[in-house]
Amino acid sequence: HTHQTNDIVELLLKNKAIPALKGAQIVKREVKVGRSRFDFLLQ
């Protein structure tokens, strides 16, 4: 379910389960930059 993959990644982020992004905070999902839209803006 590709539409739900971002939900899975969000869960992993919130539970510090992606080692390279441990401690990252989700600022916003679906962030528009110029003509493109990216899945997450993190702190």
PDB file of all heavy atoms in Angstrom:
ATOM      1  N   HIS A   1       0.844  -1.205   0.000  1.00  0.00           N
ATOM      2  CA  HIS A   1       0.000   0.000   0.000  1.00  0.00           C
ATOM      3  C   HIS A   1       0.879   1.255   0.000  1.00  0.00           C
ATOM      4  O   HIS A   1       1.222   1.798   1.045  1.00  0.00           O
ATOM      5  CB  HIS A   1      -0.906  -0.021   1.223  1.00  0.00           C
ATOM      6  CG  HIS A   1      -2.138   0.814   1.093  1.00  0.00           C
ATOM      7  ND1 HIS A   1      -2.129   2.086   0.564  1.00  0.00           N
ATOM      8  CD2 HIS A   1      -3.441   0.559   1.414  1.00  0.00           C
ATOM      9  CE1 HIS A   1      -3.348   2.585   0.589  1.00  0.00           C
ATOM     10  NE2 HIS A   1      -4.157   1.666   1.086  1.00  0.00           N
ATOM     11  N   THR A   2       1.231   1.731  -1.204  1.00  0.00           N
ATOM     12  CA  THR A   2       2.142   2.871  -1.297  1.00  0.00           C
ATOM     13  C   THR A   2       1.563   4.135  -0.653  1.00  0.00           C
ATOM     14  O   THR A   2       2.312   4.973  -0.153  1.00  0.00           O
ATOM     15  CB  THR A   2       2.490   3.170  -2.766  1.00  0.00           C
ATOM     16  OG1 THR A   2       1.277   3.380  -3.509  1.00  0.00           O
ATOM     17  CG2 THR A   2       3.252   2.014  -3.385  1.00  0.00           C
ATOM     18  N   HIS A   3       0.228   4.274  -0.651  1.00  0.00           N
ATOM     19  CA  HIS A   3      -0.382   5.460  -0.049  1.00  0.00           C
ATOM     20  C   HIS A   3      -0.184   5.485   1.462  1.00  0.00           C
ATOM     21  O   HIS A   3      -0.293   6.542   2.089  1.00  0.00           O
ATOM     22  CB  HIS A   3      -1.884   5.508  -0.361  1.00  0.00           C
ATOM     23  CG  HIS A   3      -2.191   5.482  -1.819  1.00  0.00           C
ATOM     24  ND1 HIS A   3      -3.469   5.334  -2.312  1.00  0.00           N
ATOM     25  CD2 HIS A   3      -1.393   5.582  -2.901  1.00  0.00           C
ATOM     26  CE1 HIS A   3      -3.438   5.335  -3.631  1.00  0.00           C
ATOM     27  NE2 HIS A   3      -2.188   5.478  -4.005  1.00  0.00           N
ATOM     28  N   GLN A   4       0.074   4.314   2.052  1.00  0.00           N
ATOM     29  CA  GLN A   4       0.236   4.230   3.506  1.00  0.00           C
ATOM     30  C   GLN A   4       1.698   4.131   3.940  1.00  0.00           C
ATOM     31  O   GLN A   4       1.977   4.093   5.138  1.00  0.00           O
ATOM     32  CB  GLN A   4      -0.539   3.012   4.039  1.00  0.00           C
ATOM     33  CG  GLN A   4      -2.028   3.037   3.752  1.00  0.00           C
ATOM     34  CD  GLN A   4      -2.742   4.147   4.496  1.00  0.00           C
ATOM     35  OE1 GLN A   4      -2.242   4.654   5.478  1.00  0.00           O
ATOM     36  NE2 GLN A   4      -3.919   4.522   4.014  1.00  0.00           N
ATOM     37  N   THR A   5       2.612   4.084   3.000  1.00  0.00           N
ATOM     38  CA  THR A   5       4.022   3.940   3.364  1.00  0.00           C
ATOM     39  C   THR A   5       4.511   5.099   4.220  1.00  0.00           C
ATOM     40  O   THR A   5       5.296   4.920   5.165  1.00  0.00           O
ATOM     41  CB  THR A   5       4.882   3.813   2.094  1.00  0.00           C
ATOM     42  OG1 THR A   5       4.474   2.646   1.365  1.00  0.00           O
ATOM     43  CG2 THR A   5       6.356   3.670   2.451  1.00  0.00           C
ATOM     44  N   ASN A   6       4.048   6.302   3.935  1.00  0.00           N
ATOM     45  CA  ASN A   6       4.451   7.452   4.757  1.00  0.00           C
ATOM     46  C   ASN A   6       3.966   7.318   6.196  1.00  0.00           C
ATOM     47  O   ASN A   6       4.624   7.780   7.138  1.00  0.00           O
ATOM     48  CB  ASN A   6       3.933   8.758   4.154  1.00  0.00           C
ATOM     49  CG  ASN A   6       4.713   9.165   2.914  1.00  0.00           C
ATOM     50  OD1 ASN A   6       5.638   8.470   2.501  1.00  0.00           O
ATOM     51  ND2 ASN A   6       4.338  10.279   2.321  1.00  0.00           N
ATOM     52  N   ASP A   7       2.800   6.686   6.381  1.00  0.00           N
ATOM     53  CA  ASP A   7       2.319   6.445   7.744  1.00  0.00           C
ATOM     54  C   ASP A   7       3.258   5.493   8.490  1.00  0.00           C
ATOM     55  O   ASP A   7       3.523   5.663   9.681  1.00  0.00           O
ATOM     56  CB  ASP A   7       0.903   5.853   7.719  1.00  0.00           C
ATOM     57  CG  ASP A   7      -0.122   6.812   7.133  1.00  0.00           C
ATOM     58  OD1 ASP A   7       0.082   8.034   7.252  1.00  0.00           O
ATOM     59  OD2 ASP A   7      -1.113   6.339   6.562  1.00  0.00           O
ATOM     60  N   ILE A   8       3.763   4.495   7.765  1.00  0.00           N
ATOM     61  CA  ILE A   8       4.699   3.552   8.372  1.00  0.00           C
ATOM     62  C   ILE A   8       5.983   4.263   8.757  1.00  0.00           C
ATOM     63  O   ILE A   8       6.515   4.092   9.866  1.00  0.00           O
ATOM     64  CB  ILE A   8       5.002   2.391   7.398  1.00  0.00           C
ATOM     65  CG1 ILE A   8       3.720   1.694   6.936  1.00  0.00           C
ATOM     66  CG2 ILE A   8       5.964   1.399   8.034  1.00  0.00           C
ATOM     67  CD1 ILE A   8       2.895   1.103   8.030  1.00  0.00           C
ATOM     68  N   VAL A   9       6.485   5.087   7.858  1.00  0.00           N
ATOM     69  CA  VAL A   9       7.719   5.833   8.151  1.00  0.00           C
ATOM     70  C   VAL A   9       7.494   6.813   9.298  1.00  0.00           C
ATOM     71  O   VAL A   9       8.366   6.989  10.164  1.00  0.00           O
ATOM     72  CB  VAL A   9       8.219   6.557   6.883  1.00  0.00           C
ATOM     73  CG1 VAL A   9       9.366   7.509   7.208  1.00  0.00           C
ATOM     74  CG2 VAL A   9       8.668   5.540   5.834  1.00  0.00           C
ATOM     75  N   GLU A  10       6.321   7.446   9.340  1.00  0.00           N
ATOM     76  CA  GLU A  10       6.018   8.346  10.454  1.00  0.00           C
ATOM     77  C   GLU A  10       6.060   7.604  11.787  1.00  0.00           C
ATOM     78  O   GLU A  10       6.601   8.097  12.780  1.00  0.00           O
ATOM     79  CB  GLU A  10       4.646   8.992  10.253  1.00  0.00           C
ATOM     80  CG  GLU A  10       4.266   9.927  11.400  1.00  0.00           C
ATOM     81  CD  GLU A  10       2.938  10.629  11.171  1.00  0.00           C
ATOM     82  OE1 GLU A  10       2.402  10.579  10.046  1.00  0.00           O
ATOM     83  OE2 GLU A  10       2.436  11.247  12.143  1.00  0.00           O
ATOM     84  N   LEU A  11       5.475   6.414  11.802  1.00  0.00           N
ATOM     85  CA  LEU A  11       5.493   5.616  13.025  1.00  0.00           C
ATOM     86  C   LEU A  11       6.926   5.287  13.449  1.00  0.00           C
ATOM     87  O   LEU A  11       7.287   5.394  14.622  1.00  0.00           O
ATOM     88  CB  LEU A  11       4.703   4.332  12.817  1.00  0.00           C
ATOM     89  CG  LEU A  11       4.707   3.355  13.991  1.00  0.00           C
ATOM     90  CD1 LEU A  11       3.956   3.943  15.171  1.00  0.00           C
ATOM     91  CD2 LEU A  11       4.110   2.021  13.595  1.00  0.00           C
ATOM     92  N   LEU A  12       7.747   4.915  12.490  1.00  0.00           N
ATOM     93  CA  LEU A  12       9.134   4.593  12.804  1.00  0.00           C
ATOM     94  C   LEU A  12       9.880   5.821  13.324  1.00  0.00           C
ATOM     95  O   LEU A  12      10.665   5.735  14.269  1.00  0.00           O
ATOM     96  CB  LEU A  12       9.835   4.039  11.557  1.00  0.00           C
ATOM     97  CG  LEU A  12       9.315   2.690  11.040  1.00  0.00           C
ATOM     98  CD1 LEU A  12       9.978   2.343   9.712  1.00  0.00           C
ATOM     99  CD2 LEU A  12       9.557   1.585  12.054  1.00  0.00           C
ATOM    100  N   LEU A  13       9.636   6.965  12.717  1.00  0.00           N
ATOM    101  CA  LEU A  13      10.267   8.204  13.176  1.00  0.00           C
ATOM    102  C   LEU A  13       9.856   8.541  14.607  1.00  0.00           C
ATOM    103  O   LEU A  13      10.696   8.873  15.456  1.00  0.00           O
ATOM    104  CB  LEU A  13       9.911   9.363  12.239  1.00  0.00           C
ATOM    105  CG  LEU A  13      10.572   9.366  10.859  1.00  0.00           C
ATOM    106  CD1 LEU A  13       9.894  10.391   9.956  1.00  0.00           C
ATOM    107  CD2 LEU A  13      12.066   9.680  10.974  1.00  0.00           C
ATOM    108  N   LYS A  14       8.565   8.469  14.870  1.00  0.00           N
ATOM    109  CA  LYS A  14       8.064   8.834  16.191  1.00  0.00           C
ATOM    110  C   LYS A  14       8.574   7.894  17.282  1.00  0.00           C
ATOM    111  O   LYS A  14       8.685   8.296  18.451  1.00  0.00           O
ATOM    112  CB  LYS A  14       6.538   8.861  16.178  1.00  0.00           C
ATOM    113  CG  LYS A  14       5.958  10.051  15.422  1.00  0.00           C
ATOM    114  CD  LYS A  14       4.434  10.054  15.484  1.00  0.00           C
ATOM    115  CE  LYS A  14       3.867  11.314  14.838  1.00  0.00           C
ATOM    116  NZ  LYS A  14       2.379  11.322  14.854  1.00  0.00           N
ATOM    117  N   ASN A  15       8.885   6.671  16.891  1.00  0.00           N
ATOM    118  CA  ASN A  15       9.365   5.693  17.871  1.00  0.00           C
ATOM    119  C   ASN A  15      10.885   5.512  17.813  1.00  0.00           C
ATOM    120  O   ASN A  15      11.410   4.524  18.329  1.00  0.00           O
ATOM    121  CB  ASN A  15       8.655   4.358  17.663  1.00  0.00           C
ATOM    122  CG  ASN A  15       7.225   4.396  18.144  1.00  0.00           C
ATOM    123  OD1 ASN A  15       6.943   4.159  19.313  1.00  0.00           O
ATOM    124  ND2 ASN A  15       6.300   4.706  17.245  1.00  0.00           N
ATOM    125  N   LYS A  16      11.560   6.482  17.158  1.00  0.00           N
ATOM    126  CA  LYS A  16      13.026   6.481  17.088  1.00  0.00           C
ATOM    127  C   LYS A  16      13.562   5.164  16.550  1.00  0.00           C
ATOM    128  O   LYS A  16      14.588   4.647  17.013  1.00  0.00           O
ATOM    129  CB  LYS A  16      13.619   6.784  18.473  1.00  0.00           C
ATOM    130  CG  LYS A  16      13.191   8.127  19.044  1.00  0.00           C
ATOM    131  CD  LYS A  16      13.782   8.358  20.425  1.00  0.00           C
ATOM    132  CE  LYS A  16      13.491   9.760  20.954  1.00  0.00           C
ATOM    133  NZ  LYS A  16      12.061  10.091  20.978  1.00  0.00           N
ATOM    134  N   ALA A  17      12.876   4.616  15.546  1.00  0.00           N
ATOM    135  CA  ALA A  17      13.203   3.289  15.023  1.00  0.00           C
ATOM    136  C   ALA A  17      13.983   3.334  13.716  1.00  0.00           C
ATOM    137  O   ALA A  17      14.259   2.298  13.123  1.00  0.00           O
ATOM    138  CB  ALA A  17      11.930   2.476  14.830  1.00  0.00           C
ATOM    139  N   ILE A  18      14.337   4.539  13.242  1.00  0.00           N
ATOM    140  CA  ILE A  18      15.241   4.680  12.103  1.00  0.00           C
ATOM    141  C   ILE A  18      16.551   5.226  12.667  1.00  0.00           C
ATOM    142  O   ILE A  18      16.650   6.415  12.997  1.00  0.00           O
ATOM    143  CB  ILE A  18      14.673   5.628  11.025  1.00  0.00           C
ATOM    144  CG1 ILE A  18      13.344   5.079  10.504  1.00  0.00           C
ATOM    145  CG2 ILE A  18      15.665   5.795   9.880  1.00  0.00           C
ATOM    146  CD1 ILE A  18      12.670   5.963   9.463  1.00  0.00           C
ATOM    147  N   PRO A  19      17.569   4.371  12.829  1.00  0.00           N
ATOM    148  CA  PRO A  19      18.782   4.776  13.545  1.00  0.00           C
ATOM    149  C   PRO A  19      19.400   6.088  13.055  1.00  0.00           C
ATOM    150  O   PRO A  19      19.779   6.935  13.874  1.00  0.00           O
ATOM    151  CB  PRO A  19      19.728   3.589  13.305  1.00  0.00           C
ATOM    152  CG  PRO A  19      18.812   2.421  13.146  1.00  0.00           C
ATOM    153  CD  PRO A  19      17.612   2.945  12.425  1.00  0.00           C
ATOM    154  N   ALA A  20      19.485   6.285  11.743  1.00  0.00           N
ATOM    155  CA  ALA A  20      20.136   7.487  11.216  1.00  0.00           C
ATOM    156  C   ALA A  20      19.320   8.752  11.469  1.00  0.00           C
ATOM    157  O   ALA A  20      19.858   9.867  11.368  1.00  0.00           O
ATOM    158  CB  ALA A  20      20.390   7.338   9.719  1.00  0.00           C
ATOM    159  N   LEU A  21      18.036   8.610  11.807  1.00  0.00           N
ATOM    160  CA  LEU A  21      17.169   9.762  12.067  1.00  0.00           C
ATOM    161  C   LEU A  21      16.622   9.738  13.495  1.00  0.00           C
ATOM    162  O   LEU A  21      15.598  10.346  13.791  1.00  0.00           O
ATOM    163  CB  LEU A  21      16.009   9.797  11.066  1.00  0.00           C
ATOM    164  CG  LEU A  21      16.407  10.002   9.599  1.00  0.00           C
ATOM    165  CD1 LEU A  21      15.188   9.894   8.695  1.00  0.00           C
ATOM    166  CD2 LEU A  21      17.108  11.345   9.396  1.00  0.00           C
ATOM    167  N   LYS A  22      17.317   9.054  14.368  1.00  0.00           N
ATOM    168  CA  LYS A  22      16.878   8.969  15.756  1.00  0.00           C
ATOM    169  C   LYS A  22      16.855  10.360  16.379  1.00  0.00           C
ATOM    170  O   LYS A  22      17.803  11.122  16.276  1.00  0.00           O
ATOM    171  CB  LYS A  22      17.816   8.056  16.552  1.00  0.00           C
ATOM    172  CG  LYS A  22      17.301   7.687  17.918  1.00  0.00           C
ATOM    173  CD  LYS A  22      18.195   6.646  18.559  1.00  0.00           C
ATOM    174  CE  LYS A  22      17.651   6.235  19.930  1.00  0.00           C
ATOM    175  NZ  LYS A  22      18.499   5.181  20.554  1.00  0.00           N
ATOM    176  N   GLY A  23      15.752  10.677  16.985  1.00  0.00           N
ATOM    177  CA  GLY A  23      15.608  11.997  17.604  1.00  0.00           C
ATOM    178  C   GLY A  23      14.984  13.040  16.703  1.00  0.00           C
ATOM    179  O   GLY A  23      14.706  14.160  17.146  1.00  0.00           O
ATOM    180  N   ALA A  24      14.747  12.697  15.434  1.00  0.00           N
ATOM    181  CA  ALA A  24      14.129  13.662  14.515  1.00  0.00           C
ATOM    182  C   ALA A  24      12.672  13.909  14.899  1.00  0.00           C
ATOM    183  O   ALA A  24      11.954  12.990  15.279  1.00  0.00           O
ATOM    184  CB  ALA A  24      14.205  13.143  13.085  1.00  0.00           C
ATOM    185  N   GLN A  25      12.252  15.160  14.803  1.00  0.00           N
ATOM    186  CA  GLN A  25      10.879  15.550  15.084  1.00  0.00           C
ATOM    187  C   GLN A  25      10.175  15.918  13.780  1.00  0.00           C
ATOM    188  O   GLN A  25      10.752  16.603  12.931  1.00  0.00           O
ATOM    189  CB  GLN A  25      10.847  16.748  16.041  1.00  0.00           C
ATOM    190  CG  GLN A  25      11.514  16.490  17.378  1.00  0.00           C
ATOM    191  CD  GLN A  25      10.792  15.419  18.184  1.00  0.00           C
ATOM    192  OE1 GLN A  25       9.557  15.434  18.278  1.00  0.00           O
ATOM    193  NE2 GLN A  25      11.546  14.492  18.766  1.00  0.00           N
ATOM    194  N   ILE A  26       8.947  15.447  13.634  1.00  0.00           N
ATOM    195  CA  ILE A  26       8.188  15.755  12.423  1.00  0.00           C
ATOM    196  C   ILE A  26       7.573  17.144  12.568  1.00  0.00           C
ATOM    197  O   ILE A  26       6.778  17.397  13.471  1.00  0.00           O
ATOM    198  CB  ILE A  26       7.089  14.708  12.177  1.00  0.00           C
ATOM    199  CG1 ILE A  26       7.716  13.323  11.980  1.00  0.00           C
ATOM    200  CG2 ILE A  26       6.238  15.093  10.960  1.00  0.00           C
ATOM    201  CD1 ILE A  26       6.707  12.193  11.921  1.00  0.00           C
ATOM    202  N   VAL A  27       7.959  18.040  11.666  1.00  0.00           N
ATOM    203  CA  VAL A  27       7.402  19.390  11.661  1.00  0.00           C
ATOM    204  C   VAL A  27       6.124  19.426  10.832  1.00  0.00           C
ATOM    205  O   VAL A  27       5.111  19.998  11.239  1.00  0.00           O
ATOM    206  CB  VAL A  27       8.425  20.408  11.093  1.00  0.00           C
ATOM    207  CG1 VAL A  27       7.814  21.813  11.044  1.00  0.00           C
ATOM    208  CG2 VAL A  27       9.700  20.400  11.925  1.00  0.00           C
ATOM    209  N   LYS A  28       6.171  18.762   9.672  1.00  0.00           N
ATOM    210  CA  LYS A  28       5.029  18.806   8.760  1.00  0.00           C
ATOM    211  C   LYS A  28       5.150  17.694   7.737  1.00  0.00           C
ATOM    212  O   LYS A  28       6.244  17.277   7.374  1.00  0.00           O
ATOM    213  CB  LYS A  28       4.982  20.173   8.040  1.00  0.00           C
ATOM    214  CG  LYS A  28       3.716  20.435   7.251  1.00  0.00           C
ATOM    215  CD  LYS A  28       3.760  21.825   6.633  1.00  0.00           C
ATOM    216  CE  LYS A  28       2.492  22.111   5.830  1.00  0.00           C
ATOM    217  NZ  LYS A  28       2.535  23.454   5.197  1.00  0.00           N
ATOM    218  N   ARG A  29       3.989  17.202   7.287  1.00  0.00           N
ATOM    219  CA  ARG A  29       3.949  16.255   6.182  1.00  0.00           C
ATOM    220  C   ARG A  29       3.458  16.955   4.919  1.00  0.00           C
ATOM    221  O   ARG A  29       2.765  17.957   4.983  1.00  0.00           O
ATOM    222  CB  ARG A  29       3.033  15.073   6.512  1.00  0.00           C
ATOM    223  CG  ARG A  29       3.654  14.061   7.449  1.00  0.00           C
ATOM    224  CD  ARG A  29       2.750  12.879   7.723  1.00  0.00           C
ATOM    225  NE  ARG A  29       2.282  12.177   6.517  1.00  0.00           N
ATOM    226  CZ  ARG A  29       1.730  10.967   6.537  1.00  0.00           C
ATOM    227  NH1 ARG A  29       1.581  10.310   7.692  1.00  0.00           N
ATOM    228  NH2 ARG A  29       1.314  10.400   5.423  1.00  0.00           N
ATOM    229  N   GLU A  30       3.851  16.418   3.767  1.00  0.00           N
ATOM    230  CA  GLU A  30       3.445  16.967   2.468  1.00  0.00           C
ATOM    231  C   GLU A  30       3.836  18.444   2.380  1.00  0.00           C
ATOM    232  O   GLU A  30       2.982  19.345   2.410  1.00  0.00           O
ATOM    233  CB  GLU A  30       1.947  16.779   2.249  1.00  0.00           C
ATOM    234  CG  GLU A  30       1.509  15.328   2.171  1.00  0.00           C
ATOM    235  CD  GLU A  30       2.053  14.631   0.940  1.00  0.00           C
ATOM    236  OE1 GLU A  30       2.107  15.265  -0.136  1.00  0.00           O
ATOM    237  OE2 GLU A  30       2.454  13.459   1.068  1.00  0.00           O
ATOM    238  N   VAL A  31       5.124  18.686   2.244  1.00  0.00           N
ATOM    239  CA  VAL A  31       5.670  20.050   2.256  1.00  0.00           C
ATOM    240  C   VAL A  31       5.979  20.486   0.828  1.00  0.00           C
ATOM    241  O   VAL A  31       6.731  19.814   0.119  1.00  0.00           O
ATOM    242  CB  VAL A  31       6.955  20.113   3.103  1.00  0.00           C
ATOM    243  CG1 VAL A  31       7.435  21.555   3.212  1.00  0.00           C
ATOM    244  CG2 VAL A  31       6.723  19.510   4.477  1.00  0.00           C
ATOM    245  N   LYS A  32       5.403  21.606   0.425  1.00  0.00           N
ATOM    246  CA  LYS A  32       5.639  22.105  -0.924  1.00  0.00           C
ATOM    247  C   LYS A  32       6.875  22.994  -0.956  1.00  0.00           C
ATOM    248  O   LYS A  32       7.050  23.894  -0.138  1.00  0.00           O
ATOM    249  CB  LYS A  32       4.424  22.903  -1.415  1.00  0.00           C
ATOM    250  CG  LYS A  32       4.489  23.263  -2.896  1.00  0.00           C
ATOM    251  CD  LYS A  32       3.207  23.925  -3.367  1.00  0.00           C
ATOM    252  CE  LYS A  32       3.280  24.242  -4.860  1.00  0.00           C
ATOM    253  NZ  LYS A  32       2.043  24.905  -5.337  1.00  0.00           N
ATOM    254  N   VAL A  33       7.748  22.682  -1.935  1.00  0.00           N
ATOM    255  CA  VAL A  33       8.947  23.486  -2.160  1.00  0.00           C
ATOM    256  C   VAL A  33       9.032  23.749  -3.656  1.00  0.00           C
ATOM    257  O   VAL A  33       9.255  22.829  -4.444  1.00  0.00           O
ATOM    258  CB  VAL A  33      10.233  22.777  -1.680  1.00  0.00           C
ATOM    259  CG1 VAL A  33      11.450  23.663  -1.942  1.00  0.00           C
ATOM    260  CG2 VAL A  33      10.143  22.419  -0.214  1.00  0.00           C
ATOM    261  N   GLY A  34       8.833  24.998  -4.068  1.00  0.00           N
ATOM    262  CA  GLY A  34       8.804  25.305  -5.490  1.00  0.00           C
ATOM    263  C   GLY A  34       7.658  24.580  -6.166  1.00  0.00           C
ATOM    264  O   GLY A  34       6.513  24.629  -5.722  1.00  0.00           O
ATOM    265  N   ARG A  35       7.965  23.846  -7.219  1.00  0.00           N
ATOM    266  CA  ARG A  35       6.936  23.101  -7.947  1.00  0.00           C
ATOM    267  C   ARG A  35       6.755  21.678  -7.419  1.00  0.00           C
ATOM    268  O   ARG A  35       5.897  20.950  -7.899  1.00  0.00           O
ATOM    269  CB  ARG A  35       7.295  23.034  -9.440  1.00  0.00           C
ATOM    270  CG  ARG A  35       7.244  24.373 -10.162  1.00  0.00           C
ATOM    271  CD  ARG A  35       7.556  24.209 -11.631  1.00  0.00           C
ATOM    272  NE  ARG A  35       8.887  23.647 -11.845  1.00  0.00           N
ATOM    273  CZ  ARG A  35       9.346  23.233 -13.027  1.00  0.00           C
ATOM    274  NH1 ARG A  35       8.568  23.311 -14.092  1.00  0.00           N
ATOM    275  NH2 ARG A  35      10.567  22.744 -13.140  1.00  0.00           N
ATOM    276  N   SER A  36       7.571  21.301  -6.447  1.00  0.00           N
ATOM    277  CA  SER A  36       7.522  19.921  -5.944  1.00  0.00           C
ATOM    278  C   SER A  36       6.956  19.859  -4.538  1.00  0.00           C
ATOM    279  O   SER A  36       6.872  20.864  -3.825  1.00  0.00           O
ATOM    280  CB  SER A  36       8.926  19.310  -5.962  1.00  0.00           C
ATOM    281  OG  SER A  36       9.378  19.144  -7.283  1.00  0.00           O
ATOM    282  N   ARG A  37       6.590  18.662  -4.147  1.00  0.00           N
ATOM    283  CA  ARG A  37       6.071  18.404  -2.822  1.00  0.00           C
ATOM    284  C   ARG A  37       6.833  17.220  -2.238  1.00  0.00           C
ATOM    285  O   ARG A  37       6.937  16.172  -2.872  1.00  0.00           O
ATOM    286  CB  ARG A  37       4.569  18.101  -2.882  1.00  0.00           C
ATOM    287  CG  ARG A  37       3.877  18.061  -1.527  1.00  0.00           C
ATOM    288  CD  ARG A  37       2.397  17.751  -1.702  1.00  0.00           C
ATOM    289  NE  ARG A  37       1.720  18.771  -2.468  1.00  0.00           N
ATOM    290  CZ  ARG A  37       1.187  19.866  -1.939  1.00  0.00           C
ATOM    291  NH1 ARG A  37       1.266  20.084  -0.631  1.00  0.00           N
ATOM    292  NH2 ARG A  37       0.577  20.743  -2.708  1.00  0.00           N
ATOM    293  N   PHE A  38       7.395  17.405  -1.048  1.00  0.00           N
ATOM    294  CA  PHE A  38       8.157  16.347  -0.408  1.00  0.00           C
ATOM    295  C   PHE A  38       7.378  15.803   0.783  1.00  0.00           C
ATOM    296  O   PHE A  38       6.515  16.462   1.355  1.00  0.00           O
ATOM    297  CB  PHE A  38       9.534  16.859   0.006  1.00  0.00           C
ATOM    298  CG  PHE A  38      10.364  17.300  -1.168  1.00  0.00           C
ATOM    299  CD1 PHE A  38      10.527  18.645  -1.461  1.00  0.00           C
ATOM    300  CD2 PHE A  38      10.939  16.365  -2.016  1.00  0.00           C
ATOM    301  CE1 PHE A  38      11.263  19.058  -2.557  1.00  0.00           C
ATOM    302  CE2 PHE A  38      11.674  16.761  -3.119  1.00  0.00           C
ATOM    303  CZ  PHE A  38      11.836  18.109  -3.394  1.00  0.00           C
ATOM    304  N   ASP A  39       7.710  14.581   1.177  1.00  0.00           N
ATOM    305  CA  ASP A  39       6.874  13.845   2.121  1.00  0.00           C
ATOM    306  C   ASP A  39       6.935  14.378   3.549  1.00  0.00           C
ATOM    307  O   ASP A  39       5.922  14.416   4.245  1.00  0.00           O
ATOM    308  CB  ASP A  39       7.251  12.363   2.096  1.00  0.00           C
ATOM    309  CG  ASP A  39       6.910  11.714   0.758  1.00  0.00           C
ATOM    310  OD1 ASP A  39       5.812  11.973   0.241  1.00  0.00           O
ATOM    311  OD2 ASP A  39       7.746  10.953   0.244  1.00  0.00           O
ATOM    312  N   PHE A  40       8.122  14.796   4.001  1.00  0.00           N
ATOM    313  CA  PHE A  40       8.263  15.254   5.386  1.00  0.00           C
ATOM    314  C   PHE A  40       9.212  16.449   5.472  1.00  0.00           C
ATOM    315  O   PHE A  40      10.203  16.527   4.741  1.00  0.00           O
ATOM    316  CB  PHE A  40       8.849  14.139   6.277  1.00  0.00           C
ATOM    317  CG  PHE A  40       7.939  12.981   6.522  1.00  0.00           C
ATOM    318  CD1 PHE A  40       8.005  11.849   5.721  1.00  0.00           C
ATOM    319  CD2 PHE A  40       7.023  12.996   7.572  1.00  0.00           C
ATOM    320  CE1 PHE A  40       7.180  10.765   5.945  1.00  0.00           C
ATOM    321  CE2 PHE A  40       6.191  11.918   7.805  1.00  0.00           C
ATOM    322  CZ  PHE A  40       6.268  10.791   6.987  1.00  0.00           C
ATOM    323  N   LEU A  41       8.895  17.330   6.405  1.00  0.00           N
ATOM    324  CA  LEU A  41       9.860  18.308   6.898  1.00  0.00           C
ATOM    325  C   LEU A  41      10.148  17.918   8.342  1.00  0.00           C
ATOM    326  O   LEU A  41       9.236  17.856   9.174  1.00  0.00           O
ATOM    327  CB  LEU A  41       9.302  19.732   6.830  1.00  0.00           C
ATOM    328  CG  LEU A  41      10.175  20.813   7.494  1.00  0.00           C
ATOM    329  CD1 LEU A  41      11.551  20.884   6.833  1.00  0.00           C
ATOM    330  CD2 LEU A  41       9.479  22.176   7.446  1.00  0.00           C
ATOM    331  N   LEU A  42      11.413  17.638   8.634  1.00  0.00           N
ATOM    332  CA  LEU A  42      11.822  17.210   9.964  1.00  0.00           C
ATOM    333  C   LEU A  42      12.690  18.261  10.635  1.00  0.00           C
ATOM    334  O   LEU A  42      13.312  19.099   9.964  1.00  0.00           O
ATOM    335  CB  LEU A  42      12.613  15.894   9.893  1.00  0.00           C
ATOM    336  CG  LEU A  42      11.988  14.706   9.159  1.00  0.00           C
ATOM    337  CD1 LEU A  42      12.942  13.522   9.181  1.00  0.00           C
ATOM    338  CD2 LEU A  42      10.644  14.335   9.776  1.00  0.00           C
ATOM    339  N   GLN A  43      12.745  18.200  11.949  1.00  0.00           N
ATOM    340  CA  GLN A  43      13.727  18.939  12.725  1.00  0.00           C
ATOM    341  C   GLN A  43      14.702  17.893  13.258  1.00  0.00           C
ATOM    342  O   GLN A  43      14.339  17.025  14.050  1.00  0.00           O
ATOM    343  CB  GLN A  43      13.072  19.699  13.889  1.00  0.00           C
ATOM    344  CG  GLN A  43      14.000  20.641  14.634  1.00  0.00           C
ATOM    345  CD  GLN A  43      14.299  21.907  13.843  1.00  0.00           C
ATOM    346  OE1 GLN A  43      13.546  22.257  12.925  1.00  0.00           O
ATOM    347  NE2 GLN A  43      15.374  22.589  14.164  1.00  0.00           N
TER     348      GLN A  43
END
